[in-house]
């Protein structure tokens, strides 16, 4: 019984193969060639988009890897959005052309997709809001890939990717935040065109303010000479900002490249500590007086460093 079934299957195999060959000769080869042309066109579109985005990035590249200009960030953003949109269009185009080659009437499918799109628009209003908000974010160039932003005082970090629907941030701890564009109400861009490093320096009351100002200006001048690509201008001493219990606070501002304010501020603090040590300027520290009540005595006595009782 099994042998007869196997023989029947072997006899039917040539017939199936012959049927496949007949179909290939009649219409299969033409359909396959059309699908290959569609696939080649799809790959060509994706390749052209990739070449255009690469050419734009290369055209706006200033050769300085330390600082990312506004044009470089905008080119990166538009390239990312254009590549994602091209992939969606190419995949939809390939699927529709494949169905048409196999005799499926795509007219009702396209009309149905339009109706479904309208229904989806009413049902998924948040998605439509995200897409529209993302479109205006790109058109107005509020921020781009590589910018450091703060969204609604909740999420802060570097923009890694932008689409019409979401914005991806990477915070200082390496966590990735995916924020829908429709939920963005207030954006603070920390790396737009330029930035400022604000450093407050506290010194003791016994220090000479004019000497402190002079030392700070020399530190700022040296920092500008050593890092002209980050510190765009010489440090500006604004003057005495406030008084504290231990001394007075001097405020300084330094114009920096976008996103470089934190590196400049850290290097500036390090240089100020070294310069103050060389100039003999004291950076104050908190001092504390401790009182304790001795046995049999009603009046407290003060302990002074190193916290020993006075004789």
C-alpha atoms as a PDB file:
ATOM      1  CA  UNK A   1       0.000   0.000   0.000  1.00  0.00           C
ATOM      2  CA  UNK A   2       2.752   2.456   0.985  1.00  0.00           C
ATOM      3  CA  UNK A   3       4.836   1.399  -2.041  1.00  0.00           C
ATOM      4  CA  UNK A   4       1.964   2.109  -4.415  1.00  0.00           C
ATOM      5  CA  UNK A   5       1.424   5.553  -2.851  1.00  0.00           C
ATOM      6  CA  UNK A   6       5.116   6.316  -3.235  1.00  0.00           C
ATOM      7  CA  UNK A   7       5.092   5.276  -6.885  1.00  0.00           C
ATOM      8  CA  UNK A   8       2.057   7.491  -7.503  1.00  0.00           C
ATOM      9  CA  UNK A   9       3.876  10.438  -5.925  1.00  0.00           C
ATOM     10  CA  UNK A  10       6.926   9.852  -8.120  1.00  0.00           C
ATOM     11  CA  UNK A  11       4.741   9.717 -11.214  1.00  0.00           C
ATOM     12  CA  UNK A  12       3.016  12.990 -10.231  1.00  0.00           C
ATOM     13  CA  UNK A  13       6.307  14.839  -9.584  1.00  0.00           C
ATOM     14  CA  UNK A  14       7.232  15.144 -13.287  1.00  0.00           C
ATOM     15  CA  UNK A  15       3.741  16.412 -14.008  1.00  0.00           C
ATOM     16  CA  UNK A  16       4.033  19.099 -11.331  1.00  0.00           C
ATOM     17  CA  UNK A  17       7.441  20.097 -12.591  1.00  0.00           C
ATOM     18  CA  UNK A  18       6.095  20.251 -16.137  1.00  0.00           C
ATOM     19  CA  UNK A  19       3.221  22.426 -14.959  1.00  0.00           C
ATOM     20  CA  UNK A  20       5.652  24.785 -13.229  1.00  0.00           C
ATOM     21  CA  UNK A  21       7.787  24.997 -16.360  1.00  0.00           C
ATOM     22  CA  UNK A  22       4.734  25.678 -18.512  1.00  0.00           C
ATOM     23  CA  UNK A  23       3.660  28.467 -16.145  1.00  0.00           C
ATOM     24  CA  UNK A  24       7.155  29.952 -16.164  1.00  0.00           C
ATOM     25  CA  UNK A  25       7.241  29.903 -19.974  1.00  0.00           C
ATOM     26  CA  UNK A  26       3.787  31.404 -20.320  1.00  0.00           C
ATOM     27  CA  UNK A  27       3.895  34.192 -17.741  1.00  0.00           C
ATOM     28  CA  UNK A  28       6.257  33.296 -14.897  1.00  0.00           C
ATOM     29  CA  UNK A  29       9.443  34.648 -16.417  1.00  0.00           C
ATOM     30  CA  UNK A  30       7.849  37.963 -17.309  1.00  0.00           C
ATOM     31  CA  UNK A  31       6.410  38.355 -13.809  1.00  0.00           C
ATOM     32  CA  UNK A  32       9.696  37.384 -12.228  1.00  0.00           C
ATOM     33  CA  UNK A  33      11.558  39.905 -14.391  1.00  0.00           C
ATOM     34  CA  UNK A  34       9.045  42.593 -13.424  1.00  0.00           C
ATOM     35  CA  UNK A  35       9.515  41.797  -9.733  1.00  0.00           C
ATOM     36  CA  UNK A  36      13.269  41.938 -10.163  1.00  0.00           C
ATOM     37  CA  UNK A  37      12.923  45.350 -11.814  1.00  0.00           C
ATOM     38  CA  UNK A  38      10.720  46.541  -8.934  1.00  0.00           C
ATOM     39  CA  UNK A  39      13.241  45.235  -6.395  1.00  0.00           C
ATOM     40  CA  UNK A  40      16.081  46.899  -8.306  1.00  0.00           C
ATOM     41  CA  UNK A  41      14.134  50.178  -8.413  1.00  0.00           C
ATOM     42  CA  UNK A  42      13.451  49.950  -4.683  1.00  0.00           C
ATOM     43  CA  UNK A  43      17.114  49.340  -3.920  1.00  0.00           C
ATOM     44  CA  UNK A  44      18.066  52.196  -6.240  1.00  0.00           C
ATOM     45  CA  UNK A  45      15.719  54.561  -4.381  1.00  0.00           C
ATOM     46  CA  UNK A  46      17.150  53.577  -1.006  1.00  0.00           C
ATOM     47  CA  UNK A  47      20.693  53.880  -2.367  1.00  0.00           C
ATOM     48  CA  UNK A  48      19.960  57.307  -3.837  1.00  0.00           C
ATOM     49  CA  UNK A  49      18.526  58.540  -0.527  1.00  0.00           C
ATOM     50  CA  UNK A  50      21.579  57.199   1.294  1.00  0.00           C
ATOM     51  CA  UNK A  51      23.956  58.885  -1.162  1.00  0.00           C
ATOM     52  CA  UNK A  52      22.103  62.197  -0.920  1.00  0.00           C
ATOM     53  CA  UNK A  53      22.139  62.201   2.884  1.00  0.00           C
ATOM     54  CA  UNK A  54      25.816  61.237   2.912  1.00  0.00           C
ATOM     55  CA  UNK A  55      26.653  64.012   0.433  1.00  0.00           C
ATOM     56  CA  UNK A  56      24.764  66.587   2.503  1.00  0.00           C
ATOM     57  CA  UNK A  57      26.554  65.509   5.678  1.00  0.00           C
ATOM     58  CA  UNK A  58      29.894  65.693   3.922  1.00  0.00           C
ATOM     59  CA  UNK A  59      29.090  69.138   2.490  1.00  0.00           C
ATOM     60  CA  UNK A  60      28.312  70.653   5.907  1.00  0.00           C
ATOM     61  CA  UNK A  61      31.148  68.899   7.746  1.00  0.00           C
ATOM     62  CA  UNK A  62      33.664  71.485   8.967  1.00  0.00           C
ATOM     63  CA  UNK A  63      36.345  68.900   9.769  1.00  0.00           C
ATOM     64  CA  UNK A  64      36.259  69.581  13.514  1.00  0.00           C
ATOM     65  CA  UNK A  65      35.212  66.451  15.381  1.00  0.00           C
ATOM     66  CA  UNK A  66      35.292  68.230  18.743  1.00  0.00           C
ATOM     67  CA  UNK A  67      32.381  70.566  17.952  1.00  0.00           C
ATOM     68  CA  UNK A  68      29.180  69.743  16.061  1.00  0.00           C
ATOM     69  CA  UNK A  69      27.805  72.741  14.205  1.00  0.00           C
ATOM     70  CA  UNK A  70      24.118  73.557  13.771  1.00  0.00           C
ATOM     71  CA  UNK A  71      24.282  72.682  10.061  1.00  0.00           C
ATOM     72  CA  UNK A  72      25.765  69.259  10.870  1.00  0.00           C
ATOM     73  CA  UNK A  73      23.010  68.518  13.381  1.00  0.00           C
ATOM     74  CA  UNK A  74      20.298  69.593  10.947  1.00  0.00           C
ATOM     75  CA  UNK A  75      21.780  67.442   8.173  1.00  0.00           C
ATOM     76  CA  UNK A  76      21.904  64.451  10.513  1.00  0.00           C
ATOM     77  CA  UNK A  77      18.289  64.981  11.564  1.00  0.00           C
ATOM     78  CA  UNK A  78      16.921  65.368   8.040  1.00  0.00           C
ATOM     79  CA  UNK A  79      18.972  62.380   6.877  1.00  0.00           C
ATOM     80  CA  UNK A  80      17.513  60.177   9.609  1.00  0.00           C
ATOM     81  CA  UNK A  81      13.923  61.225   8.906  1.00  0.00           C
ATOM     82  CA  UNK A  82      14.331  60.949   5.128  1.00  0.00           C
ATOM     83  CA  UNK A  83      15.839  57.455   5.389  1.00  0.00           C
ATOM     84  CA  UNK A  84      13.000  56.176   7.592  1.00  0.00           C
ATOM     85  CA  UNK A  85      10.350  57.670   5.312  1.00  0.00           C
ATOM     86  CA  UNK A  86      12.014  56.185   2.214  1.00  0.00           C
ATOM     87  CA  UNK A  87      12.040  52.722   3.756  1.00  0.00           C
ATOM     88  CA  UNK A  88       8.312  52.850   4.479  1.00  0.00           C
ATOM     89  CA  UNK A  89       7.482  54.082   0.971  1.00  0.00           C
ATOM     90  CA  UNK A  90       9.711  51.503  -0.720  1.00  0.00           C
ATOM     91  CA  UNK A  91       8.277  48.583   1.259  1.00  0.00           C
ATOM     92  CA  UNK A  92       4.693  49.663   0.492  1.00  0.00           C
ATOM     93  CA  UNK A  93       5.537  50.140  -3.199  1.00  0.00           C
ATOM     94  CA  UNK A  94       7.158  46.699  -3.466  1.00  0.00           C
ATOM     95  CA  UNK A  95       4.233  44.930  -1.783  1.00  0.00           C
ATOM     96  CA  UNK A  96       1.646  46.623  -4.018  1.00  0.00           C
ATOM     97  CA  UNK A  97       3.583  45.863  -7.200  1.00  0.00           C
ATOM     98  CA  UNK A  98       4.043  42.241  -6.123  1.00  0.00           C
ATOM     99  CA  UNK A  99       0.305  41.830  -5.586  1.00  0.00           C
ATOM    100  CA  UNK A 100      -0.416  43.410  -8.952  1.00  0.00           C
ATOM    101  CA  UNK A 101       1.969  41.057 -10.749  1.00  0.00           C
ATOM    102  CA  UNK A 102       0.131  38.065  -9.315  1.00  0.00           C
ATOM    103  CA  UNK A 103      -3.216  39.326 -10.594  1.00  0.00           C
ATOM    104  CA  UNK A 104      -4.519  41.025  -7.476  1.00  0.00           C
ATOM    105  CA  UNK A 105      -6.451  44.193  -8.220  1.00  0.00           C
ATOM    106  CA  UNK A 106      -4.799  46.807  -6.024  1.00  0.00           C
ATOM    107  CA  UNK A 107      -7.392  49.512  -6.788  1.00  0.00           C
ATOM    108  CA  UNK A 108      -9.801  48.412  -4.050  1.00  0.00           C
ATOM    109  CA  UNK A 109      -6.821  47.910  -1.733  1.00  0.00           C
ATOM    110  CA  UNK A 110      -5.666  51.487  -2.257  1.00  0.00           C
ATOM    111  CA  UNK A 111      -9.211  52.813  -1.796  1.00  0.00           C
ATOM    112  CA  UNK A 112      -9.659  50.658   1.289  1.00  0.00           C
ATOM    113  CA  UNK A 113      -6.338  51.869   2.633  1.00  0.00           C
ATOM    114  CA  UNK A 114      -7.540  55.444   2.218  1.00  0.00           C
ATOM    115  CA  UNK A 115     -10.746  54.743   4.127  1.00  0.00           C
ATOM    116  CA  UNK A 116      -8.796  52.838   6.760  1.00  0.00           C
ATOM    117  CA  UNK A 117      -6.406  55.770   7.006  1.00  0.00           C
ATOM    118  CA  UNK A 118      -9.284  58.155   7.686  1.00  0.00           C
ATOM    119  CA  UNK A 119     -10.709  55.804  10.307  1.00  0.00           C
ATOM    120  CA  UNK A 120      -7.283  55.384  11.837  1.00  0.00           C
ATOM    121  CA  UNK A 121      -6.905  59.150  11.936  1.00  0.00           C
ATOM    122  CA  UNK A 122     -10.087  59.467  14.010  1.00  0.00           C
ATOM    123  CA  UNK A 123      -9.244  56.503  16.215  1.00  0.00           C
ATOM    124  CA  UNK A 124      -5.553  57.249  16.732  1.00  0.00           C
ATOM    125  CA  UNK A 125      -5.577  60.982  17.269  1.00  0.00           C
ATOM    126  CA  UNK A 126      -2.488  60.838  19.458  1.00  0.00           C
ATOM    127  CA  UNK A 127      -0.527  59.233  16.606  1.00  0.00           C
ATOM    128  CA  UNK A 128      -1.648  61.933  14.185  1.00  0.00           C
ATOM    129  CA  UNK A 129      -0.741  64.578  16.762  1.00  0.00           C
ATOM    130  CA  UNK A 130       2.742  63.050  17.143  1.00  0.00           C
ATOM    131  CA  UNK A 131       3.326  63.066  13.379  1.00  0.00           C
ATOM    132  CA  UNK A 132       2.108  66.652  12.911  1.00  0.00           C
ATOM    133  CA  UNK A 133       4.189  67.856  15.859  1.00  0.00           C
ATOM    134  CA  UNK A 134       7.251  66.052  14.490  1.00  0.00           C
ATOM    135  CA  UNK A 135       6.739  67.678  11.099  1.00  0.00           C
ATOM    136  CA  UNK A 136       6.717  71.168  12.603  1.00  0.00           C
ATOM    137  CA  UNK A 137       9.702  70.356  14.821  1.00  0.00           C
ATOM    138  CA  UNK A 138      11.678  69.554  11.671  1.00  0.00           C
ATOM    139  CA  UNK A 139      10.364  72.482   9.642  1.00  0.00           C
ATOM    140  CA  UNK A 140      11.093  75.026  12.370  1.00  0.00           C
ATOM    141  CA  UNK A 141      14.472  73.447  13.179  1.00  0.00           C
ATOM    142  CA  UNK A 142      13.862  73.733  16.905  1.00  0.00           C
ATOM    143  CA  UNK A 143      16.482  71.058  17.618  1.00  0.00           C
ATOM    144  CA  UNK A 144      18.201  68.223  15.809  1.00  0.00           C
ATOM    145  CA  UNK A 145      20.245  65.068  16.210  1.00  0.00           C
ATOM    146  CA  UNK A 146      23.259  65.791  18.416  1.00  0.00           C
ATOM    147  CA  UNK A 147      21.617  68.658  20.307  1.00  0.00           C
ATOM    148  CA  UNK A 148      21.455  68.618  24.099  1.00  0.00           C
ATOM    149  CA  UNK A 149      17.899  69.419  25.146  1.00  0.00           C
ATOM    150  CA  UNK A 150      15.614  69.431  28.171  1.00  0.00           C
ATOM    151  CA  UNK A 151      11.998  68.443  27.521  1.00  0.00           C
ATOM    152  CA  UNK A 152       9.421  69.884  29.917  1.00  0.00           C
ATOM    153  CA  UNK A 153      11.983  69.738  32.763  1.00  0.00           C
ATOM    154  CA  UNK A 154      11.488  65.955  32.814  1.00  0.00           C
ATOM    155  CA  UNK A 155      13.814  64.410  30.253  1.00  0.00           C
ATOM    156  CA  UNK A 156      17.253  65.794  29.410  1.00  0.00           C
ATOM    157  CA  UNK A 157      19.981  64.389  27.210  1.00  0.00           C
ATOM    158  CA  UNK A 158      21.487  64.186  23.747  1.00  0.00           C
ATOM    159  CA  UNK A 159      19.142  63.698  20.789  1.00  0.00           C
ATOM    160  CA  UNK A 160      20.190  60.422  19.157  1.00  0.00           C
ATOM    161  CA  UNK A 161      17.356  59.920  16.677  1.00  0.00           C
ATOM    162  CA  UNK A 162      14.348  61.807  15.382  1.00  0.00           C
ATOM    163  CA  UNK A 163      11.365  60.570  13.398  1.00  0.00           C
ATOM    164  CA  UNK A 164       8.020  62.145  12.650  1.00  0.00           C
ATOM    165  CA  UNK A 165       6.572  60.306  15.654  1.00  0.00           C
ATOM    166  CA  UNK A 166       9.211  60.120  18.402  1.00  0.00           C
ATOM    167  CA  UNK A 167      12.377  61.752  19.663  1.00  0.00           C
ATOM    168  CA  UNK A 168      15.025  59.518  21.240  1.00  0.00           C
ATOM    169  CA  UNK A 169      17.203  60.986  23.999  1.00  0.00           C
ATOM    170  CA  UNK A 170      20.249  59.537  25.754  1.00  0.00           C
ATOM    171  CA  UNK A 171      20.782  60.956  29.238  1.00  0.00           C
ATOM    172  CA  UNK A 172      24.057  61.280  31.155  1.00  0.00           C
ATOM    173  CA  UNK A 173      23.569  57.835  32.740  1.00  0.00           C
ATOM    174  CA  UNK A 174      23.179  56.152  29.359  1.00  0.00           C
ATOM    175  CA  UNK A 175      19.416  55.606  29.586  1.00  0.00           C
ATOM    176  CA  UNK A 176      17.430  55.957  26.347  1.00  0.00           C
ATOM    177  CA  UNK A 177      14.199  57.982  26.487  1.00  0.00           C
ATOM    178  CA  UNK A 178      11.617  57.666  23.692  1.00  0.00           C
ATOM    179  CA  UNK A 179       9.391  60.744  23.842  1.00  0.00           C
ATOM    180  CA  UNK A 180       6.330  61.105  21.536  1.00  0.00           C
ATOM    181  CA  UNK A 181       6.529  64.387  19.663  1.00  0.00           C
ATOM    182  CA  UNK A 182       2.917  65.214  20.474  1.00  0.00           C
ATOM    183  CA  UNK A 183       3.673  65.277  24.212  1.00  0.00           C
ATOM    184  CA  UNK A 184       6.463  67.870  23.884  1.00  0.00           C
ATOM    185  CA  UNK A 185       5.251  71.237  25.146  1.00  0.00           C
ATOM    186  CA  UNK A 186       8.420  73.072  26.163  1.00  0.00           C
ATOM    187  CA  UNK A 187      11.941  72.530  24.841  1.00  0.00           C
ATOM    188  CA  UNK A 188      15.096  74.036  26.301  1.00  0.00           C
ATOM    189  CA  UNK A 189      18.007  73.622  23.885  1.00  0.00           C
ATOM    190  CA  UNK A 190      21.315  73.685  25.742  1.00  0.00           C
ATOM    191  CA  UNK A 191      23.485  73.611  22.608  1.00  0.00           C
ATOM    192  CA  UNK A 192      21.896  76.106  20.210  1.00  0.00           C
ATOM    193  CA  UNK A 193      24.470  78.208  18.296  1.00  0.00           C
ATOM    194  CA  UNK A 194      26.571  78.813  21.427  1.00  0.00           C
ATOM    195  CA  UNK A 195      26.526  78.335  25.195  1.00  0.00           C
ATOM    196  CA  UNK A 196      27.964  79.946  28.313  1.00  0.00           C
ATOM    197  CA  UNK A 197      29.883  78.341  31.134  1.00  0.00           C
ATOM    198  CA  UNK A 198      28.822  79.929  34.413  1.00  0.00           C
ATOM    199  CA  UNK A 199      31.318  79.428  37.248  1.00  0.00           C
ATOM    200  CA  UNK A 200      30.915  81.030  40.663  1.00  0.00           C
ATOM    201  CA  UNK A 201      34.102  81.267  42.726  1.00  0.00           C
ATOM    202  CA  UNK A 202      33.982  81.797  46.485  1.00  0.00           C
ATOM    203  CA  UNK A 203      36.967  83.410  48.206  1.00  0.00           C
ATOM    204  CA  UNK A 204      37.647  84.510  51.775  1.00  0.00           C
ATOM    205  CA  UNK A 205      36.905  87.988  53.067  1.00  0.00           C
ATOM    206  CA  UNK A 206      40.620  88.575  53.543  1.00  0.00           C
ATOM    207  CA  UNK A 207      41.335  88.330  49.790  1.00  0.00           C
ATOM    208  CA  UNK A 208      41.810  91.415  47.635  1.00  0.00           C
ATOM    209  CA  UNK A 209      38.933  91.554  45.087  1.00  0.00           C
ATOM    210  CA  UNK A 210      41.083  93.276  42.446  1.00  0.00           C
ATOM    211  CA  UNK A 211      43.741  90.563  42.754  1.00  0.00           C
ATOM    212  CA  UNK A 212      41.070  87.882  42.471  1.00  0.00           C
ATOM    213  CA  UNK A 213      39.664  89.508  39.321  1.00  0.00           C
ATOM    214  CA  UNK A 214      43.132  89.715  37.773  1.00  0.00           C
ATOM    215  CA  UNK A 215      43.942  86.077  38.468  1.00  0.00           C
ATOM    216  CA  UNK A 216      40.614  84.958  37.018  1.00  0.00           C
ATOM    217  CA  UNK A 217      41.177  86.957  33.842  1.00  0.00           C
ATOM    218  CA  UNK A 218      44.606  85.378  33.368  1.00  0.00           C
ATOM    219  CA  UNK A 219      43.093  81.916  33.843  1.00  0.00           C
ATOM    220  CA  UNK A 220      40.397  82.706  31.291  1.00  0.00           C
ATOM    221  CA  UNK A 221      42.941  84.043  28.787  1.00  0.00           C
ATOM    222  CA  UNK A 222      45.055  80.896  29.033  1.00  0.00           C
ATOM    223  CA  UNK A 223      42.002  78.662  28.670  1.00  0.00           C
ATOM    224  CA  UNK A 224      40.946  80.544  25.534  1.00  0.00           C
ATOM    225  CA  UNK A 225      44.431  80.146  24.062  1.00  0.00           C
ATOM    226  CA  UNK A 226      44.591  76.426  24.886  1.00  0.00           C
ATOM    227  CA  UNK A 227      41.054  75.562  23.765  1.00  0.00           C
ATOM    228  CA  UNK A 228      39.911  78.108  21.177  1.00  0.00           C
ATOM    229  CA  UNK A 229      37.482  75.587  19.628  1.00  0.00           C
ATOM    230  CA  UNK A 230      35.642  75.278  22.960  1.00  0.00           C
ATOM    231  CA  UNK A 231      36.194  78.598  24.762  1.00  0.00           C
ATOM    232  CA  UNK A 232      35.137  81.006  22.015  1.00  0.00           C
ATOM    233  CA  UNK A 233      35.835  84.138  24.043  1.00  0.00           C
ATOM    234  CA  UNK A 234      37.954  85.123  27.018  1.00  0.00           C
ATOM    235  CA  UNK A 235      36.399  84.663  30.441  1.00  0.00           C
ATOM    236  CA  UNK A 236      34.334  87.614  31.586  1.00  0.00           C
ATOM    237  CA  UNK A 237      34.418  88.552  35.278  1.00  0.00           C
ATOM    238  CA  UNK A 238      30.995  89.934  36.175  1.00  0.00           C
ATOM    239  CA  UNK A 239      32.021  90.996  39.692  1.00  0.00           C
ATOM    240  CA  UNK A 240      30.971  90.088  43.222  1.00  0.00           C
ATOM    241  CA  UNK A 241      27.676  88.246  42.936  1.00  0.00           C
ATOM    242  CA  UNK A 242      26.847  87.656  46.604  1.00  0.00           C
ATOM    243  CA  UNK A 243      28.190  87.254  50.128  1.00  0.00           C
ATOM    244  CA  UNK A 244      28.298  84.023  52.080  1.00  0.00           C
ATOM    245  CA  UNK A 245      29.073  83.291  55.735  1.00  0.00           C
ATOM    246  CA  UNK A 246      32.631  82.373  54.743  1.00  0.00           C
ATOM    247  CA  UNK A 247      33.479  84.925  52.049  1.00  0.00           C
ATOM    248  CA  UNK A 248      32.238  86.592  48.866  1.00  0.00           C
ATOM    249  CA  UNK A 249      31.254  84.950  45.560  1.00  0.00           C
ATOM    250  CA  UNK A 250      32.656  86.128  42.227  1.00  0.00           C
ATOM    251  CA  UNK A 251      30.683  85.246  39.081  1.00  0.00           C
ATOM    252  CA  UNK A 252      32.372  84.458  35.754  1.00  0.00           C
ATOM    253  CA  UNK A 253      30.912  83.772  32.312  1.00  0.00           C
ATOM    254  CA  UNK A 254      32.661  82.191  29.339  1.00  0.00           C
ATOM    255  CA  UNK A 255      31.137  81.937  25.868  1.00  0.00           C
ATOM    256  CA  UNK A 256      31.658  78.397  24.576  1.00  0.00           C
ATOM    257  CA  UNK A 257      30.844  76.240  21.589  1.00  0.00           C
ATOM    258  CA  UNK A 258      27.467  74.423  21.660  1.00  0.00           C
ATOM    259  CA  UNK A 259      27.534  71.624  24.200  1.00  0.00           C
ATOM    260  CA  UNK A 260      31.040  72.465  25.448  1.00  0.00           C
ATOM    261  CA  UNK A 261      30.002  74.518  28.483  1.00  0.00           C
ATOM    262  CA  UNK A 262      30.370  71.634  30.934  1.00  0.00           C
ATOM    263  CA  UNK A 263      33.878  70.679  29.782  1.00  0.00           C
ATOM    264  CA  UNK A 264      34.964  74.321  29.863  1.00  0.00           C
ATOM    265  CA  UNK A 265      33.489  74.826  33.341  1.00  0.00           C
ATOM    266  CA  UNK A 266      35.271  71.758  34.735  1.00  0.00           C
ATOM    267  CA  UNK A 267      38.617  72.776  33.255  1.00  0.00           C
ATOM    268  CA  UNK A 268      38.095  76.336  34.462  1.00  0.00           C
ATOM    269  CA  UNK A 269      37.511  75.199  38.050  1.00  0.00           C
ATOM    270  CA  UNK A 270      40.634  73.063  37.985  1.00  0.00           C
ATOM    271  CA  UNK A 271      42.720  75.951  36.635  1.00  0.00           C
ATOM    272  CA  UNK A 272      41.289  78.354  39.217  1.00  0.00           C
ATOM    273  CA  UNK A 273      42.263  76.055  42.099  1.00  0.00           C
ATOM    274  CA  UNK A 274      45.842  75.840  40.803  1.00  0.00           C
ATOM    275  CA  UNK A 275      46.082  79.590  40.143  1.00  0.00           C
ATOM    276  CA  UNK A 276      44.694  80.529  43.559  1.00  0.00           C
ATOM    277  CA  UNK A 277      47.227  78.279  45.282  1.00  0.00           C
ATOM    278  CA  UNK A 278      50.079  79.935  43.402  1.00  0.00           C
ATOM    279  CA  UNK A 279      48.733  83.439  44.143  1.00  0.00           C
ATOM    280  CA  UNK A 280      48.103  82.691  47.817  1.00  0.00           C
ATOM    281  CA  UNK A 281      44.363  83.346  47.551  1.00  0.00           C
ATOM    282  CA  UNK A 282      42.429  81.340  50.113  1.00  0.00           C
ATOM    283  CA  UNK A 283      39.307  79.447  49.132  1.00  0.00           C
ATOM    284  CA  UNK A 284      37.238  79.500  52.337  1.00  0.00           C
ATOM    285  CA  UNK A 285      35.920  76.460  54.084  1.00  0.00           C
ATOM    286  CA  UNK A 286      33.251  76.177  56.717  1.00  0.00           C
ATOM    287  CA  UNK A 287      34.358  76.517  60.346  1.00  0.00           C
ATOM    288  CA  UNK A 288      32.354  75.396  63.329  1.00  0.00           C
ATOM    289  CA  UNK A 289      32.479  76.246  67.035  1.00  0.00           C
ATOM    290  CA  UNK A 290      31.241  73.515  69.405  1.00  0.00           C
ATOM    291  CA  UNK A 291      29.993  74.300  72.939  1.00  0.00           C
ATOM    292  CA  UNK A 292      29.765  71.750  75.728  1.00  0.00           C
ATOM    293  CA  UNK A 293      28.621  72.033  79.298  1.00  0.00           C
ATOM    294  CA  UNK A 294      31.098  70.864  81.947  1.00  0.00           C
ATOM    295  CA  UNK A 295      29.942  68.965  84.984  1.00  0.00           C
ATOM    296  CA  UNK A 296      29.124  71.277  87.895  1.00  0.00           C
ATOM    297  CA  UNK A 297      29.267  74.380  85.736  1.00  0.00           C
ATOM    298  CA  UNK A 298      26.251  76.270  84.503  1.00  0.00           C
ATOM    299  CA  UNK A 299      28.024  78.108  81.703  1.00  0.00           C
ATOM    300  CA  UNK A 300      29.024  76.316  78.498  1.00  0.00           C
ATOM    301  CA  UNK A 301      32.579  76.532  77.252  1.00  0.00           C
ATOM    302  CA  UNK A 302      33.672  76.663  73.625  1.00  0.00           C
ATOM    303  CA  UNK A 303      35.900  74.137  71.951  1.00  0.00           C
ATOM    304  CA  UNK A 304      38.199  75.457  69.295  1.00  0.00           C
ATOM    305  CA  UNK A 305      40.141  73.375  66.783  1.00  0.00           C
ATOM    306  CA  UNK A 306      41.429  70.792  67.475  1.00  0.00           C
ATOM    307  CA  UNK A 307      38.467  70.778  69.868  1.00  0.00           C
ATOM    308  CA  UNK A 308      40.390  70.771  73.146  1.00  0.00           C
ATOM    309  CA  UNK A 309      39.201  72.493  76.287  1.00  0.00           C
ATOM    310  CA  UNK A 310      40.867  75.780  77.069  1.00  0.00           C
ATOM    311  CA  UNK A 311      42.960  75.719  80.239  1.00  0.00           C
END
